[in-house]
């Protein structure tokens, strides 16, 4: 599991002009790497909940693999990959 901070960059709502959820931040552990065709699952350790998205359409990685952009059917997320050891200590 990898510690991640996921920021929702864009949300698509067919009946609303403005997406109220854009900019929302989710911290937790990525259960498995983002995979096209599969939902993104982040276990939010501080609340015991998990965040599950719709199916992933596209995954873009930075050169260092520390930032990953994930486009789902309804939203776009920026995942900042953290250090597992720091997450366990904090």
Foldseek 3Di string as FASTA:
>chain_A
DWWKKKFWQDFDDPVDPDDPRHGDIATAAFPDDQDAQAWTWGQRVVVRRIDTDAGWHDWDADPVRQWIWTDHPTTIMIIGTDDPVVVVVD
